[in-house]
Amino acid sequence: MRGRKPNPTAIKKMRGNPGHRPINKREPKPRRKLPRAPAILSDAAKAHWRQLAPILYDMGVLTVADIDMLAAYCEAYARRLHALEMVAKSEQVIKTASGNLIQNPFLGIANHAMDQMLKIAAEFGMTPSSRSRLVSTTTQTADPFEEFLATSRVAEALDA
C-alpha cells in the first residue's frame, strides 16, 4: 500500500474531517470500555496506566482493541523512568574500565523509550500537535446499550 497510513475514523471525526474525504462507515468499531491494566505490566507501568487510561477513554480514543498499544506506551514510560533514575544515580558521561569517557548506557535506553512513547502518543492524540488537530467530542451522547453493557454484569460475563 502506498502513501500515508489512514487515520482512524474516530480521529478523523475529532479533526472535523479536514480533507472532506468520505468517512469509512464499515470500519470495525471495537467496544468502548475502560480496560484494566494487563497483569503483566510492571508496577510503574500500571500506575501510569491508571492515570492515562481514563483520560484517553474520556477523549474517545481508547477501546478494548487498544490495550496492547497503551500497555506498550506505559512500559516504555516505566523503562524511561527507570533509566533516568539510573542516570541520576551516576552521571550522563561515565568512564570505562580503560579510562575512556562514554555516554551512560542508561541515557540511550531513556532516549529510545522516549522515541517509542512519542510514536505511540501520536496514535492516541497525546501530543500537542496531534491533539491540536482534534475537535472536542465531549457533547457526544453515548449509545445507551453500550453504556448498559459497560456497567452491567452482562459485560463481565462477556469478558470471561
C-alpha atoms as a PDB file:
ATOM      1  CA  MET A   1       0.000   0.000   0.000  1.00  0.00           C
ATOM      2  CA  ARG A   2       1.342   3.448  -0.888  1.00  0.00           C
ATOM      3  CA  GLY A   3       1.063   6.815   0.758  1.00  0.00           C
ATOM      4  CA  ARG A   4       0.330   7.792   4.304  1.00  0.00           C
ATOM      5  CA  LYS A   5      -1.422   5.397   6.589  1.00  0.00           C
ATOM      6  CA  PRO A   6      -5.052   6.411   7.001  1.00  0.00           C
ATOM      7  CA  ASN A   7      -6.245   7.952  10.241  1.00  0.00           C
ATOM      8  CA  PRO A   8      -8.856   6.051  12.243  1.00  0.00           C
ATOM      9  CA  THR A   9     -12.397   7.316  11.716  1.00  0.00           C
ATOM     10  CA  ALA A  10     -12.661   8.468  15.350  1.00  0.00           C
ATOM     11  CA  ILE A  11      -9.594  10.687  14.860  1.00  0.00           C
ATOM     12  CA  LYS A  12     -10.923  11.979  11.513  1.00  0.00           C
ATOM     13  CA  LYS A  13     -14.216  12.931  13.151  1.00  0.00           C
ATOM     14  CA  MET A  14     -12.423  14.662  16.014  1.00  0.00           C
ATOM     15  CA  ARG A  15     -10.418  16.663  13.497  1.00  0.00           C
ATOM     16  CA  GLY A  16     -13.585  17.626  11.656  1.00  0.00           C
ATOM     17  CA  ASN A  17     -12.608  15.591   8.564  1.00  0.00           C
ATOM     18  CA  PRO A  18     -10.333  18.329   7.185  1.00  0.00           C
ATOM     19  CA  GLY A  19      -9.793  16.564   3.829  1.00  0.00           C
ATOM     20  CA  HIS A  20     -13.564  16.129   3.370  1.00  0.00           C
ATOM     21  CA  ARG A  21     -12.918  12.594   2.218  1.00  0.00           C
ATOM     22  CA  PRO A  22     -15.641  10.005   2.695  1.00  0.00           C
ATOM     23  CA  ILE A  23     -15.766   8.500   6.180  1.00  0.00           C
ATOM     24  CA  ASN A  24     -15.380   4.715   6.258  1.00  0.00           C
ATOM     25  CA  LYS A  25     -18.762   3.588   7.521  1.00  0.00           C
ATOM     26  CA  ARG A  26     -17.639  -0.044   7.617  1.00  0.00           C
ATOM     27  CA  GLU A  27     -14.592   0.469   9.827  1.00  0.00           C
ATOM     28  CA  PRO A  28     -14.574  -2.010  12.716  1.00  0.00           C
ATOM     29  CA  LYS A  29     -15.780  -0.385  15.930  1.00  0.00           C
ATOM     30  CA  PRO A  30     -14.339  -2.087  18.993  1.00  0.00           C
ATOM     31  CA  ARG A  31     -16.412  -1.882  22.142  1.00  0.00           C
ATOM     32  CA  ARG A  32     -15.672   1.261  24.134  1.00  0.00           C
ATOM     33  CA  LYS A  33     -14.823   0.158  27.607  1.00  0.00           C
ATOM     34  CA  LEU A  34     -12.306   1.448  30.098  1.00  0.00           C
ATOM     35  CA  PRO A  35      -9.959  -1.546  30.138  1.00  0.00           C
ATOM     36  CA  ARG A  36      -7.981  -2.642  33.165  1.00  0.00           C
ATOM     37  CA  ALA A  37      -4.210  -2.643  33.071  1.00  0.00           C
ATOM     38  CA  PRO A  38      -2.825  -6.011  31.946  1.00  0.00           C
ATOM     39  CA  ALA A  39      -1.396  -8.021  34.840  1.00  0.00           C
ATOM     40  CA  ILE A  40       1.922  -8.423  33.033  1.00  0.00           C
ATOM     41  CA  LEU A  41       2.742  -4.699  33.319  1.00  0.00           C
ATOM     42  CA  SER A  42       5.383  -3.562  35.780  1.00  0.00           C
ATOM     43  CA  ASP A  43       4.223  -1.597  38.829  1.00  0.00           C
ATOM     44  CA  ALA A  44       5.364   1.732  37.355  1.00  0.00           C
ATOM     45  CA  ALA A  45       3.607   0.965  34.059  1.00  0.00           C
ATOM     46  CA  LYS A  46       0.391   0.021  35.903  1.00  0.00           C
ATOM     47  CA  ALA A  47       0.497   3.283  37.850  1.00  0.00           C
ATOM     48  CA  HIS A  48       0.880   5.234  34.600  1.00  0.00           C
ATOM     49  CA  TRP A  49      -1.951   3.211  33.023  1.00  0.00           C
ATOM     50  CA  ARG A  50      -4.267   4.188  35.893  1.00  0.00           C
ATOM     51  CA  GLN A  51      -3.502   7.858  35.215  1.00  0.00           C
ATOM     52  CA  LEU A  52      -3.673   7.742  31.436  1.00  0.00           C
ATOM     53  CA  ALA A  53      -6.421   5.247  30.542  1.00  0.00           C
ATOM     54  CA  PRO A  54      -9.324   7.323  31.941  1.00  0.00           C
ATOM     55  CA  ILE A  55      -8.089  10.399  30.065  1.00  0.00           C
ATOM     56  CA  LEU A  56      -7.876   8.539  26.748  1.00  0.00           C
ATOM     57  CA  TYR A  57     -11.234   6.877  27.362  1.00  0.00           C
ATOM     58  CA  ASP A  58     -12.853  10.264  28.016  1.00  0.00           C
ATOM     59  CA  MET A  59     -11.260  11.560  24.798  1.00  0.00           C
ATOM     60  CA  GLY A  60     -12.990   8.719  22.959  1.00  0.00           C
ATOM     61  CA  VAL A  61      -9.790   7.147  21.597  1.00  0.00           C
ATOM     62  CA  LEU A  62      -9.421   4.145  23.926  1.00  0.00           C
ATOM     63  CA  THR A  63     -11.249   0.896  23.240  1.00  0.00           C
ATOM     64  CA  VAL A  64     -10.684  -2.724  24.202  1.00  0.00           C
ATOM     65  CA  ALA A  65      -8.724  -3.167  20.955  1.00  0.00           C
ATOM     66  CA  ASP A  66      -6.114  -0.640  22.125  1.00  0.00           C
ATOM     67  CA  ILE A  67      -4.980  -2.453  25.260  1.00  0.00           C
ATOM     68  CA  ASP A  68      -1.685  -3.691  23.815  1.00  0.00           C
ATOM     69  CA  MET A  69      -0.678  -0.320  22.370  1.00  0.00           C
ATOM     70  CA  LEU A  70      -1.426   1.506  25.602  1.00  0.00           C
ATOM     71  CA  ALA A  71       0.439  -1.221  27.506  1.00  0.00           C
ATOM     72  CA  ALA A  72       3.455  -0.710  25.207  1.00  0.00           C
ATOM     73  CA  TYR A  73       3.305   3.032  25.861  1.00  0.00           C
ATOM     74  CA  CYS A  74       3.118   2.528  29.630  1.00  0.00           C
ATOM     75  CA  GLU A  75       6.022   0.057  29.636  1.00  0.00           C
ATOM     76  CA  ALA A  76       8.121   2.475  27.570  1.00  0.00           C
ATOM     77  CA  TYR A  77       7.256   5.158  30.132  1.00  0.00           C
ATOM     78  CA  ALA A  78       8.303   2.888  33.007  1.00  0.00           C
ATOM     79  CA  ARG A  79      11.533   1.920  31.201  1.00  0.00           C
ATOM     80  CA  ARG A  80      12.361   5.592  30.593  1.00  0.00           C
ATOM     81  CA  LEU A  81      11.626   6.461  34.221  1.00  0.00           C
ATOM     82  CA  HIS A  82      13.910   3.688  35.482  1.00  0.00           C
ATOM     83  CA  ALA A  83      16.692   4.626  33.060  1.00  0.00           C
ATOM     84  CA  LEU A  84      16.545   8.291  34.098  1.00  0.00           C
ATOM     85  CA  GLU A  85      16.710   7.256  37.749  1.00  0.00           C
ATOM     86  CA  MET A  86      19.838   5.239  36.961  1.00  0.00           C
ATOM     87  CA  VAL A  87      21.399   8.207  35.139  1.00  0.00           C
ATOM     88  CA  ALA A  88      20.625  10.428  38.127  1.00  0.00           C
ATOM     89  CA  LYS A  89      22.489   7.998  40.413  1.00  0.00           C
ATOM     90  CA  SER A  90      25.654   8.332  38.338  1.00  0.00           C
ATOM     91  CA  GLU A  91      26.384  10.764  35.507  1.00  0.00           C
ATOM     92  CA  GLN A  92      25.425  11.322  31.888  1.00  0.00           C
ATOM     93  CA  VAL A  93      29.017  10.598  30.900  1.00  0.00           C
ATOM     94  CA  ILE A  94      30.847   7.715  32.554  1.00  0.00           C
ATOM     95  CA  LYS A  95      34.393   6.421  32.476  1.00  0.00           C
ATOM     96  CA  THR A  96      35.025   2.925  31.125  1.00  0.00           C
ATOM     97  CA  ALA A  97      37.463   0.458  32.696  1.00  0.00           C
ATOM     98  CA  SER A  98      40.085   1.585  30.180  1.00  0.00           C
ATOM     99  CA  GLY A  99      39.573   5.230  31.128  1.00  0.00           C
ATOM    100  CA  ASN A 100      37.571   6.378  28.095  1.00  0.00           C
ATOM    101  CA  LEU A 101      34.582   8.666  28.572  1.00  0.00           C
ATOM    102  CA  ILE A 102      31.320   7.406  27.088  1.00  0.00           C
ATOM    103  CA  GLN A 103      27.648   8.284  27.284  1.00  0.00           C
ATOM    104  CA  ASN A 104      25.898   6.477  30.106  1.00  0.00           C
ATOM    105  CA  PRO A 105      24.130   3.468  28.502  1.00  0.00           C
ATOM    106  CA  PHE A 106      21.009   4.228  30.557  1.00  0.00           C
ATOM    107  CA  LEU A 107      20.757   7.569  28.742  1.00  0.00           C
ATOM    108  CA  GLY A 108      20.461   5.689  25.442  1.00  0.00           C
ATOM    109  CA  ILE A 109      17.763   3.464  26.939  1.00  0.00           C
ATOM    110  CA  ALA A 110      15.859   6.545  28.145  1.00  0.00           C
ATOM    111  CA  ASN A 111      16.106   8.184  24.721  1.00  0.00           C
ATOM    112  CA  HIS A 112      14.944   5.044  22.906  1.00  0.00           C
ATOM    113  CA  ALA A 113      11.979   4.694  25.276  1.00  0.00           C
ATOM    114  CA  MET A 114      11.073   8.339  24.627  1.00  0.00           C
ATOM    115  CA  ASP A 115      11.091   7.701  20.864  1.00  0.00           C
ATOM    116  CA  GLN A 116       8.728   4.760  21.373  1.00  0.00           C
ATOM    117  CA  MET A 117       6.480   6.882  23.575  1.00  0.00           C
ATOM    118  CA  LEU A 118       6.293   9.684  21.001  1.00  0.00           C
ATOM    119  CA  LYS A 119       5.290   7.315  18.202  1.00  0.00           C
ATOM    120  CA  ILE A 120       2.541   5.687  20.247  1.00  0.00           C
ATOM    121  CA  ALA A 121       1.408   9.002  21.764  1.00  0.00           C
ATOM    122  CA  ALA A 122       0.733  10.443  18.311  1.00  0.00           C
ATOM    123  CA  GLU A 123      -1.554   7.488  17.550  1.00  0.00           C
ATOM    124  CA  PHE A 124      -3.675   8.300  20.602  1.00  0.00           C
ATOM    125  CA  GLY A 125      -3.680  12.092  20.060  1.00  0.00           C
ATOM    126  CA  MET A 126      -1.493  12.615  23.137  1.00  0.00           C
ATOM    127  CA  THR A 127       0.996  15.103  21.685  1.00  0.00           C
ATOM    128  CA  PRO A 128       0.240  18.833  21.465  1.00  0.00           C
ATOM    129  CA  SER A 129       0.462  18.796  17.665  1.00  0.00           C
ATOM    130  CA  SER A 130      -1.729  15.709  17.204  1.00  0.00           C
ATOM    131  CA  ARG A 131      -4.215  16.970  19.801  1.00  0.00           C
ATOM    132  CA  SER A 132      -4.396  20.428  18.208  1.00  0.00           C
ATOM    133  CA  ARG A 133      -5.956  18.785  15.135  1.00  0.00           C
ATOM    134  CA  LEU A 134      -8.750  17.198  17.195  1.00  0.00           C
ATOM    135  CA  VAL A 135     -12.184  18.646  17.862  1.00  0.00           C
ATOM    136  CA  SER A 136     -13.666  18.021  21.295  1.00  0.00           C
ATOM    137  CA  THR A 137     -16.375  15.375  21.391  1.00  0.00           C
ATOM    138  CA  THR A 138     -17.499  15.946  24.958  1.00  0.00           C
ATOM    139  CA  THR A 139     -21.030  16.707  23.762  1.00  0.00           C
ATOM    140  CA  GLN A 140     -21.385  13.325  22.075  1.00  0.00           C
ATOM    141  CA  THR A 141     -24.039  11.128  23.579  1.00  0.00           C
ATOM    142  CA  ALA A 142     -23.170   7.544  24.247  1.00  0.00           C
ATOM    143  CA  ASP A 143     -25.109   4.619  22.883  1.00  0.00           C
ATOM    144  CA  PRO A 144     -27.460   3.610  25.744  1.00  0.00           C
ATOM    145  CA  PHE A 145     -26.992  -0.086  25.017  1.00  0.00           C
ATOM    146  CA  GLU A 146     -23.186   0.293  25.099  1.00  0.00           C
ATOM    147  CA  GLU A 147     -23.476   2.091  28.436  1.00  0.00           C
ATOM    148  CA  PHE A 148     -25.729  -0.663  29.765  1.00  0.00           C
ATOM    149  CA  LEU A 149     -23.230  -3.317  28.709  1.00  0.00           C
ATOM    150  CA  ALA A 150     -20.312  -1.408  30.189  1.00  0.00           C
ATOM    151  CA  THR A 151     -21.980  -1.040  33.582  1.00  0.00           C
ATOM    152  CA  SER A 152     -23.778  -4.344  33.888  1.00  0.00           C
ATOM    153  CA  ARG A 153     -22.895  -7.873  34.795  1.00  0.00           C
ATOM    154  CA  VAL A 154     -23.506  -8.798  31.162  1.00  0.00           C
ATOM    155  CA  ALA A 155     -20.188  -7.136  30.313  1.00  0.00           C
ATOM    156  CA  GLU A 156     -18.409  -9.171  32.990  1.00  0.00           C
ATOM    157  CA  ALA A 157     -19.910 -12.363  31.600  1.00  0.00           C
ATOM    158  CA  LEU A 158     -18.850 -11.444  28.069  1.00  0.00           C
ATOM    159  CA  ASP A 159     -15.278 -10.741  29.210  1.00  0.00           C
ATOM    160  CA  ALA A 160     -14.985 -14.078  30.992  1.00  0.00           C
END
